Amino acid sequence: MSDILIQAENISKKYRLGVLNANTLKEDLALWWQRKRRKQPTVNPAGDSNFWALKDINFEIKQGDVVGLIGKNGAGKSTLLKIISRIVLPTTGNVRGRGRIASLLEVGTGFHPELSGRENIFLNGSILGMKRKEIERRFDEIVDFSGVEAFLDTPVKRYSSGMYVRLAFSIAIHLEPDTLILDEVLSVGDFDFQQKCLAKIDDISKKQGQTILFVSHSMQSIKSLCNSALYLENGRLIAQGDTSSVVAKYLLRENVYVNIQQFRDRNSAPGNGTIRISEVAIQANDRAVSGPIDAHADLSFRFSFWKLGGESSLLQVRMTVLNFMGEGIFSTASEEGRLQAGLAHGMCRVPKGFLADGSYVINFAVFQDKQQLLFEFNQCLSFEIKSTYRSFTDTGRWQAPVHPRFLFTLSQPT
């Protein structure tokens, strides 16, 4: 038997701009109601035009593959997932799939707001293809993983979005489908639950051999979890293959460089109950960066974070520089500082000429007592180094990502 679980052949999806496109039961009913009332669907005054959300998509996914689906918003990722999940039909082409598919495309998909969490576990599990005995057997595992035990008999309409996604993800992950499809749902949960989910995804893919199609804007998550990737741009498949090369092509093609991130509201800033990020930034010769950085400029990486509550702690910040292939270039750490609750600032200086031409990503991590990880802020900054004139590093010999200036002597006996 073939080990191919999903095969897409010449998949295209067309929408008509300015009209109601009936692709789901809800949209079918809306279109039927308009016609029943003898009302025409709303039409674009400038005239109808066709919009191809997907165009001639071809790929195969084998059993046990963990495939990352990447691309900017509007690239066609969600449309493709809906076609694979059989929620909508393609305009042309077809998708062949076998085995049980579980899709988690939106927060709380398949939940009834008036029912309790307990009741929705059985309802949602049934929708995803689980038998009642199977749900009962896994009920305690689902509840334990979701962390909503205290609210199990509360109607889910009173759940926060984070509680919604924790319960929905827990049901889907314990269904043990042949293929699990996840569309950016982990962005809703808190940081600790995200890490828990990523670890679970990694575990079931490696130990149980399940196939996973994973959509995320976090290239770090894509690179750490996926063994292959698909890159969509404007509805077309631009690249497919091993994760590192596809991610590198995406980042370079989209010119994804982030030189500063600022968070004014401490409550919504990235972090957790101990650390919240205020700002991360790159400067060249102590000035803000707006494009490629001259290789012969002094770099400074600045960061600020709020330490929340508690007694003073001995903290240390570690910074790791990676290339766009996800390979580590170097790591460094600050001195330890005993910090009280409040805003803390730090800076790391990298001398000119140290980094070779190329594109880089920065990861920050805050540790307590050198061992306890408090918070990681991965892929928070990205930048490009580019030489403005030739030097000995441009000769093509002994190419390396860093060029440290060590004490290096050359002499001849007299």
Protein backbone atom coordinates (compact mmCIF):
# COMPACT_ATOMS: atom_id res chain seq x y z
CA MET A 1 0.00 0.00 0.00
CA SER A 2 1.24 3.48 -0.83
CA ASP A 3 2.48 5.58 2.09
CA ILE A 4 0.99 8.75 0.53
CA LEU A 5 -1.85 10.07 2.72
CA ILE A 6 -2.67 13.29 0.84
CA GLN A 7 -2.15 13.99 -2.84
CA ALA A 8 -3.15 17.32 -4.39
CA GLU A 9 -3.39 17.47 -8.17
CA ASN A 10 -3.79 20.81 -9.99
CA ILE A 11 -5.82 22.37 -7.18
CA SER A 12 -7.31 25.77 -8.05
CA LYS A 13 -9.98 27.79 -6.26
CA LYS A 14 -11.81 30.71 -7.85
CA TYR A 15 -13.97 33.31 -6.12
CA ARG A 16 -16.02 36.04 -7.74
CA LEU A 17 -15.28 39.38 -6.14
CA GLY A 18 -18.36 41.32 -5.11
CA VAL A 19 -20.73 38.33 -4.96
CA LEU A 20 -21.65 35.84 -2.30
CA ASN A 21 -19.66 32.67 -2.88
CA ALA A 22 -21.49 29.60 -1.59
CA ASN A 23 -18.91 27.09 -0.43
CA THR A 24 -20.19 25.99 2.96
CA LEU A 25 -23.63 25.01 4.29
CA LYS A 26 -23.93 28.37 6.03
CA GLU A 27 -23.17 30.23 2.79
CA ASP A 28 -25.53 27.96 0.82
CA LEU A 29 -28.35 28.80 3.22
CA ALA A 30 -27.60 32.54 3.02
CA LEU A 31 -27.64 32.43 -0.78
CA TRP A 32 -30.88 30.41 -0.78
CA TRP A 33 -32.53 32.94 1.59
CA GLN A 34 -31.56 35.85 -0.62
CA ARG A 35 -33.02 34.15 -3.67
CA LYS A 36 -36.18 33.19 -1.76
CA ARG A 37 -36.69 36.85 -0.92
CA ARG A 38 -35.99 37.67 -4.58
CA LYS A 39 -32.94 39.69 -3.73
CA GLN A 40 -29.87 39.56 -5.89
CA PRO A 41 -26.51 38.95 -4.22
CA THR A 42 -24.54 42.11 -3.68
CA VAL A 43 -22.47 42.90 -6.75
CA ASN A 44 -19.38 45.04 -7.01
CA PRO A 45 -20.51 48.25 -8.80
CA ALA A 46 -17.28 48.28 -10.77
CA GLY A 47 -18.19 44.92 -12.24
CA ASP A 48 -17.57 41.30 -11.25
CA SER A 49 -14.08 39.91 -11.47
CA ASN A 50 -12.57 36.54 -10.71
CA PHE A 51 -10.11 36.06 -7.90
CA TRP A 52 -8.02 32.90 -7.84
CA ALA A 53 -7.26 32.11 -4.20
CA LEU A 54 -5.29 29.05 -5.36
CA LYS A 55 -3.84 28.21 -8.75
CA ASP A 56 -2.44 24.85 -9.93
CA ILE A 57 -1.27 23.45 -6.60
CA ASN A 58 0.46 20.04 -6.65
CA PHE A 59 2.06 18.19 -3.75
CA GLU A 60 2.15 14.89 -1.86
CA ILE A 61 2.23 14.27 1.89
CA LYS A 62 3.41 10.89 3.15
CA GLN A 63 2.51 9.07 6.32
CA GLY A 64 4.51 10.40 9.28
CA ASP A 65 5.44 13.69 7.58
CA VAL A 66 5.23 16.90 9.59
CA VAL A 67 4.67 19.58 6.97
CA GLY A 68 4.81 23.31 7.59
CA LEU A 69 2.61 25.55 5.47
CA ILE A 70 3.98 29.09 5.28
CA GLY A 71 3.18 32.32 3.49
CA LYS A 72 1.92 35.83 4.14
CA ASN A 73 -1.69 36.57 5.07
CA GLY A 74 -3.86 36.13 1.98
CA ALA A 75 -1.48 33.67 0.35
CA GLY A 76 -4.17 30.97 0.25
CA LYS A 77 -3.11 28.81 3.22
CA SER A 78 -6.52 28.64 4.92
CA THR A 79 -8.30 28.00 1.61
CA LEU A 80 -5.98 25.08 0.90
CA LEU A 81 -6.56 23.62 4.37
CA LYS A 82 -10.34 23.86 3.93
CA ILE A 83 -10.08 21.99 0.64
CA ILE A 84 -7.92 19.26 2.21
CA SER A 85 -10.39 19.07 5.11
CA ARG A 86 -13.27 18.76 2.61
CA ILE A 87 -14.96 21.88 3.97
CA VAL A 88 -14.95 23.56 0.55
CA LEU A 89 -14.58 22.15 -2.94
CA PRO A 90 -11.86 23.18 -5.39
CA THR A 91 -12.82 24.85 -8.65
CA THR A 92 -10.49 22.56 -10.56
CA GLY A 93 -8.31 19.61 -9.63
CA ASN A 94 -8.82 17.16 -6.80
CA VAL A 95 -7.37 16.04 -3.50
CA ARG A 96 -6.98 12.36 -2.74
CA GLY A 97 -6.71 11.45 0.91
CA ARG A 98 -7.06 8.38 3.08
CA GLY A 99 -7.45 7.82 6.76
CA ARG A 100 -9.07 10.00 9.40
CA ILE A 101 -8.40 13.74 9.20
CA ALA A 102 -8.85 16.05 12.20
CA SER A 103 -8.82 19.77 11.43
CA LEU A 104 -8.48 22.58 13.93
CA LEU A 105 -8.90 25.61 11.67
CA GLU A 106 -10.59 28.08 14.01
CA VAL A 107 -10.92 28.51 17.76
CA GLY A 108 -13.79 26.40 19.07
CA THR A 109 -14.76 24.89 15.71
CA GLY A 110 -17.66 22.50 16.36
CA PHE A 111 -18.42 23.84 19.84
CA HIS A 112 -21.95 24.72 20.92
CA PRO A 113 -21.80 27.87 23.08
CA GLU A 114 -24.72 26.87 25.32
CA LEU A 115 -23.28 23.47 26.19
CA SER A 116 -20.74 22.88 28.93
CA GLY A 117 -17.14 21.94 28.35
CA ARG A 118 -17.97 18.34 29.30
CA GLU A 119 -20.83 18.15 26.79
CA ASN A 120 -18.74 19.79 24.08
CA ILE A 121 -16.00 17.21 24.50
CA PHE A 122 -18.48 14.52 23.46
CA LEU A 123 -20.06 16.71 20.76
CA ASN A 124 -16.78 17.87 19.24
CA GLY A 125 -15.24 14.42 19.52
CA SER A 126 -18.19 12.96 17.60
CA ILE A 127 -17.86 15.61 14.90
CA LEU A 128 -14.18 14.70 14.54
CA GLY A 129 -15.08 11.02 14.14
CA MET A 130 -14.56 9.61 17.64
CA LYS A 131 -16.91 6.94 19.01
CA ARG A 132 -18.46 7.53 22.43
CA LYS A 133 -16.47 4.71 24.06
CA GLU A 134 -13.29 6.17 22.59
CA ILE A 135 -14.14 9.60 24.02
CA GLU A 136 -14.94 8.11 27.43
CA ARG A 137 -11.64 6.22 27.43
CA ARG A 138 -9.68 9.39 26.70
CA PHE A 139 -11.89 11.82 28.62
CA ASP A 140 -9.56 12.25 31.62
CA GLU A 141 -6.52 12.75 29.34
CA ILE A 142 -8.37 15.40 27.32
CA VAL A 143 -9.43 17.31 30.44
CA ASP A 144 -6.01 17.04 32.09
CA PHE A 145 -4.18 18.32 29.01
CA SER A 146 -6.60 21.20 28.45
CA GLY A 147 -6.37 22.46 32.02
CA VAL A 148 -10.05 23.49 32.14
CA GLU A 149 -11.15 20.95 34.76
CA ALA A 150 -12.45 23.67 37.12
CA PHE A 151 -14.75 24.97 34.35
CA LEU A 152 -15.80 21.62 32.91
CA ASP A 153 -19.50 22.10 33.69
CA THR A 154 -19.56 25.78 32.66
CA PRO A 155 -21.08 26.74 29.27
CA VAL A 156 -18.24 27.36 26.85
CA LYS A 157 -19.74 30.73 25.86
CA ARG A 158 -18.20 31.96 29.12
CA TYR A 159 -14.76 30.58 28.23
CA SER A 160 -11.95 32.89 27.19
CA SER A 161 -10.45 32.41 23.73
CA GLY A 162 -7.46 30.76 25.40
CA MET A 163 -9.68 28.23 27.20
CA TYR A 164 -11.53 27.57 23.93
CA VAL A 165 -8.37 26.72 22.05
CA ARG A 166 -6.91 24.63 24.89
CA LEU A 167 -9.99 22.43 25.00
CA ALA A 168 -10.37 22.23 21.21
CA PHE A 169 -6.69 21.37 20.71
CA SER A 170 -6.80 18.76 23.46
CA ILE A 171 -9.76 17.00 21.83
CA ALA A 172 -8.14 17.04 18.39
CA ILE A 173 -4.74 15.86 19.61
CA HIS A 174 -6.22 12.91 21.55
CA LEU A 175 -8.33 11.80 18.60
CA GLU A 176 -5.17 10.21 17.16
CA PRO A 177 -6.13 10.91 13.54
CA ASP A 178 -4.05 9.76 10.59
CA THR A 179 -3.66 13.44 9.64
CA LEU A 180 -3.94 16.42 12.00
CA ILE A 181 -4.36 19.88 10.46
CA LEU A 182 -3.58 22.94 12.61
CA ASP A 183 -4.12 26.47 11.29
CA GLU A 184 -2.38 29.06 13.50
CA VAL A 185 -4.59 28.06 16.43
CA LEU A 186 -1.73 28.03 18.94
CA SER A 187 -1.30 31.80 18.61
CA VAL A 188 -4.35 32.22 20.85
CA GLY A 189 -3.05 30.25 23.81
CA ASP A 190 -0.61 31.51 26.44
CA PHE A 191 3.10 30.89 26.10
CA ASP A 192 3.26 27.92 28.49
CA PHE A 193 0.39 26.14 26.74
CA GLN A 194 1.97 26.83 23.33
CA GLN A 195 5.15 25.09 24.47
CA LYS A 196 3.10 22.20 25.84
CA CYS A 197 1.26 21.84 22.51
CA LEU A 198 4.44 22.00 20.46
CA ALA A 199 5.98 19.30 22.63
CA LYS A 200 2.87 17.15 22.18
CA ILE A 201 2.94 17.65 18.40
CA ASP A 202 6.59 16.64 18.32
CA ASP A 203 5.85 13.60 20.48
CA ILE A 204 2.95 12.21 18.44
CA SER A 205 4.73 12.76 15.14
CA LYS A 206 7.89 10.96 16.24
CA LYS A 207 6.50 8.22 18.48
CA GLN A 208 3.10 7.55 16.91
CA GLY A 209 3.92 8.36 13.30
CA GLN A 210 0.97 10.69 12.77
CA THR A 211 0.98 13.05 9.82
CA ILE A 212 0.66 16.75 10.69
CA LEU A 213 0.03 19.78 8.49
CA PHE A 214 1.01 22.81 10.55
CA VAL A 215 0.43 26.47 9.70
CA SER A 216 2.32 29.12 11.65
CA HIS A 217 3.91 32.53 11.19
CA SER A 218 6.63 31.48 13.62
CA MET A 219 9.51 30.22 11.50
CA GLN A 220 11.19 28.96 14.65
CA SER A 221 8.25 26.62 15.33
CA ILE A 222 8.15 25.53 11.69
CA LYS A 223 11.87 24.73 11.66
CA SER A 224 11.85 22.90 14.99
CA LEU A 225 8.78 20.75 14.26
CA CYS A 226 8.57 20.16 10.50
CA ASN A 227 10.66 17.94 8.24
CA SER A 228 9.31 19.59 5.09
CA ALA A 229 7.45 22.75 4.12
CA LEU A 230 5.18 24.27 1.48
CA TYR A 231 5.46 27.99 0.65
CA LEU A 232 2.42 29.74 -0.85
CA GLU A 233 2.47 33.19 -2.39
CA ASN A 234 -0.59 34.80 -4.01
CA GLY A 235 -2.26 31.42 -4.36
CA ARG A 236 0.69 29.69 -6.02
CA LEU A 237 3.09 27.12 -4.64
CA ILE A 238 6.46 28.90 -4.76
CA ALA A 239 8.61 26.25 -3.06
CA GLN A 240 8.37 22.84 -1.44
CA GLY A 241 10.98 20.57 0.09
CA ASP A 242 13.14 20.45 3.18
CA THR A 243 12.15 22.96 5.85
CA SER A 244 15.37 24.95 6.09
CA SER A 245 15.62 25.75 2.39
CA VAL A 246 11.91 26.62 2.04
CA VAL A 247 11.95 28.87 5.12
CA ALA A 248 15.11 30.59 3.91
CA LYS A 249 13.50 31.26 0.53
CA TYR A 250 10.38 32.64 2.21
CA LEU A 251 12.27 35.00 4.50
CA LEU A 252 14.56 36.28 1.77
CA ARG A 253 11.79 36.61 -0.82
CA GLU A 254 9.47 38.44 1.56
CA ASN A 255 12.31 40.60 2.85
CA VAL A 256 11.21 39.88 6.41
CA TYR A 257 13.45 42.08 8.52
CA VAL A 258 12.36 43.32 11.94
CA ASN A 259 14.74 45.88 13.44
CA ILE A 260 12.62 46.95 16.42
CA GLN A 261 9.64 45.75 18.43
CA GLN A 262 8.03 47.91 21.11
CA PHE A 263 5.26 47.00 23.52
CA ARG A 264 3.70 49.85 25.48
CA ASP A 265 1.03 47.87 27.31
CA ARG A 266 2.64 45.63 29.88
CA ASN A 267 -0.45 43.43 30.20
CA SER A 268 -0.55 42.47 26.51
CA ALA A 269 3.21 42.37 25.89
CA PRO A 270 4.88 39.03 25.09
CA GLY A 271 5.79 37.17 28.24
CA ASN A 272 4.25 35.47 31.23
CA GLY A 273 3.61 36.04 34.91
CA THR A 274 7.31 36.67 35.58
CA ILE A 275 8.72 38.47 32.52
CA ARG A 276 7.07 40.84 30.01
CA ILE A 277 8.98 42.28 27.04
CA SER A 278 8.99 46.06 26.64
CA GLU A 279 11.36 46.55 23.70
CA VAL A 280 13.95 44.83 21.53
CA ALA A 281 15.91 46.76 18.90
CA ILE A 282 18.98 46.76 16.67
CA GLN A 283 21.15 49.83 16.18
CA ALA A 284 24.12 50.43 13.88
CA ASN A 285 26.66 52.99 15.09
CA ASP A 286 24.08 53.89 17.79
CA ARG A 287 21.48 54.83 15.21
CA ALA A 288 18.16 53.22 14.26
CA VAL A 289 18.27 50.73 11.39
CA SER A 290 15.98 50.98 8.37
CA GLY A 291 17.59 48.63 5.84
CA PRO A 292 20.68 46.47 5.28
CA ILE A 293 23.41 47.14 7.83
CA ASP A 294 26.94 47.98 6.73
CA ALA A 295 29.28 45.15 7.73
CA HIS A 296 31.71 47.77 8.99
CA ALA A 297 29.26 49.35 11.45
CA ASP A 298 29.27 48.69 15.18
CA LEU A 299 26.13 46.80 16.18
CA SER A 300 24.19 47.10 19.40
CA PHE A 301 21.27 44.90 20.45
CA ARG A 302 19.09 46.60 23.03
CA PHE A 303 16.37 45.08 25.14
CA SER A 304 14.00 46.09 27.94
CA PHE A 305 11.66 43.95 30.00
CA TRP A 306 9.42 44.18 33.02
CA LYS A 307 10.21 41.92 35.96
CA LEU A 308 6.89 41.24 37.62
CA GLY A 309 6.30 40.89 41.36
CA GLY A 310 8.11 38.76 43.85
CA GLU A 311 11.40 39.26 45.62
CA SER A 312 14.57 40.40 43.92
CA SER A 313 16.08 37.75 41.63
CA LEU A 314 19.47 37.03 40.11
CA LEU A 315 18.72 37.27 36.38
CA GLN A 316 20.73 36.85 33.21
CA VAL A 317 19.82 37.53 29.56
CA ARG A 318 21.22 35.30 26.83
CA MET A 319 21.23 36.21 23.15
CA THR A 320 21.61 33.76 20.27
CA VAL A 321 22.25 34.77 16.65
CA LEU A 322 21.10 32.36 13.94
CA ASN A 323 21.18 32.52 10.17
CA PHE A 324 17.98 32.23 8.12
CA MET A 325 18.57 28.48 7.81
CA GLY A 326 18.12 28.17 11.57
CA GLU A 327 21.79 27.40 12.22
CA GLY A 328 23.35 28.93 15.32
CA ILE A 329 26.12 31.45 14.65
CA PHE A 330 27.03 32.45 18.20
CA SER A 331 25.56 32.89 21.67
CA THR A 332 26.46 35.30 24.41
CA ALA A 333 25.15 36.19 27.86
CA SER A 334 24.91 39.28 30.03
CA GLU A 335 26.37 39.58 33.48
CA GLU A 336 24.02 38.45 36.20
CA GLY A 337 22.08 41.22 37.88
CA ARG A 338 19.97 41.21 41.02
CA LEU A 339 16.77 42.87 39.86
CA GLN A 340 13.75 44.15 41.77
CA ALA A 341 10.24 44.28 40.30
CA GLY A 342 10.09 46.91 37.56
CA LEU A 343 11.58 47.80 34.18
CA ALA A 344 15.09 46.55 33.34
CA HIS A 345 17.32 47.51 30.40
CA GLY A 346 20.26 45.83 28.74
CA MET A 347 22.50 46.01 25.69
CA CYS A 348 24.95 43.78 23.83
CA ARG A 349 27.58 45.35 21.55
CA VAL A 350 29.05 43.47 18.59
CA PRO A 351 32.12 45.07 16.98
CA LYS A 352 32.17 46.01 13.31
CA GLY A 353 33.30 43.35 10.88
CA PHE A 354 32.40 40.50 13.23
CA LEU A 355 29.40 39.20 11.23
CA ALA A 356 29.80 38.22 7.59
CA ASP A 357 27.38 39.26 4.87
CA GLY A 358 24.06 37.50 5.26
CA SER A 359 20.68 37.49 6.97
CA TYR A 360 20.31 36.81 10.68
CA VAL A 361 17.71 36.21 13.39
CA ILE A 362 17.94 37.04 17.10
CA ASN A 363 16.61 34.95 20.00
CA PHE A 364 16.52 36.36 23.54
CA ALA A 365 16.07 34.32 26.72
CA VAL A 366 15.87 35.37 30.38
CA PHE A 367 17.26 32.99 33.01
CA GLN A 368 17.17 32.98 36.79
CA ASP A 369 20.17 31.63 38.69
CA LYS A 370 21.72 30.66 35.30
CA GLN A 371 19.58 27.51 34.99
CA GLN A 372 15.87 28.33 35.30
CA LEU A 373 14.44 29.59 32.01
CA LEU A 374 11.87 32.32 32.69
CA PHE A 375 10.98 33.38 29.15
CA GLU A 376 12.18 33.00 25.56
CA PHE A 377 11.52 35.61 22.89
CA ASN A 378 12.53 33.78 19.71
CA GLN A 379 12.92 35.34 16.27
CA CYS A 380 12.16 38.72 17.79
CA LEU A 381 14.63 40.58 15.53
CA SER A 382 15.99 39.93 12.04
CA PHE A 383 18.43 41.89 9.92
CA GLU A 384 20.78 41.81 6.95
CA ILE A 385 24.52 42.50 6.92
CA LYS A 386 25.92 43.80 3.64
CA SER A 387 29.43 45.01 2.80
CA THR A 388 29.66 48.38 1.07
CA TYR A 389 33.21 47.74 -0.17
CA ARG A 390 35.50 44.76 -0.67
CA SER A 391 37.84 43.50 2.01
CA PHE A 392 39.80 40.33 2.69
CA THR A 393 36.53 38.63 3.71
CA ASP A 394 35.13 39.06 0.18
CA THR A 395 37.80 36.99 -1.57
CA GLY A 396 35.80 33.77 -1.30
CA ARG A 397 38.52 32.00 0.72
CA TRP A 398 37.88 30.54 4.18
CA GLN A 399 34.32 31.77 4.22
CA ALA A 400 32.79 31.82 7.70
CA PRO A 401 29.79 33.52 9.34
CA VAL A 402 31.92 35.38 11.91
CA HIS A 403 35.26 37.18 11.69
CA PRO A 404 36.51 37.70 15.26
CA ARG A 405 39.57 39.86 15.78
CA PHE A 406 41.89 37.76 17.92
CA LEU A 407 45.50 38.46 18.79
CA PHE A 408 47.11 37.06 15.63
CA THR A 409 50.83 37.60 15.03
CA LEU A 410 53.22 36.91 12.20
CA SER A 411 57.01 37.24 12.55
CA GLN A 412 60.30 36.05 11.18
CA PRO A 413 63.44 35.35 13.18
CA THR A 414 66.28 37.82 12.62
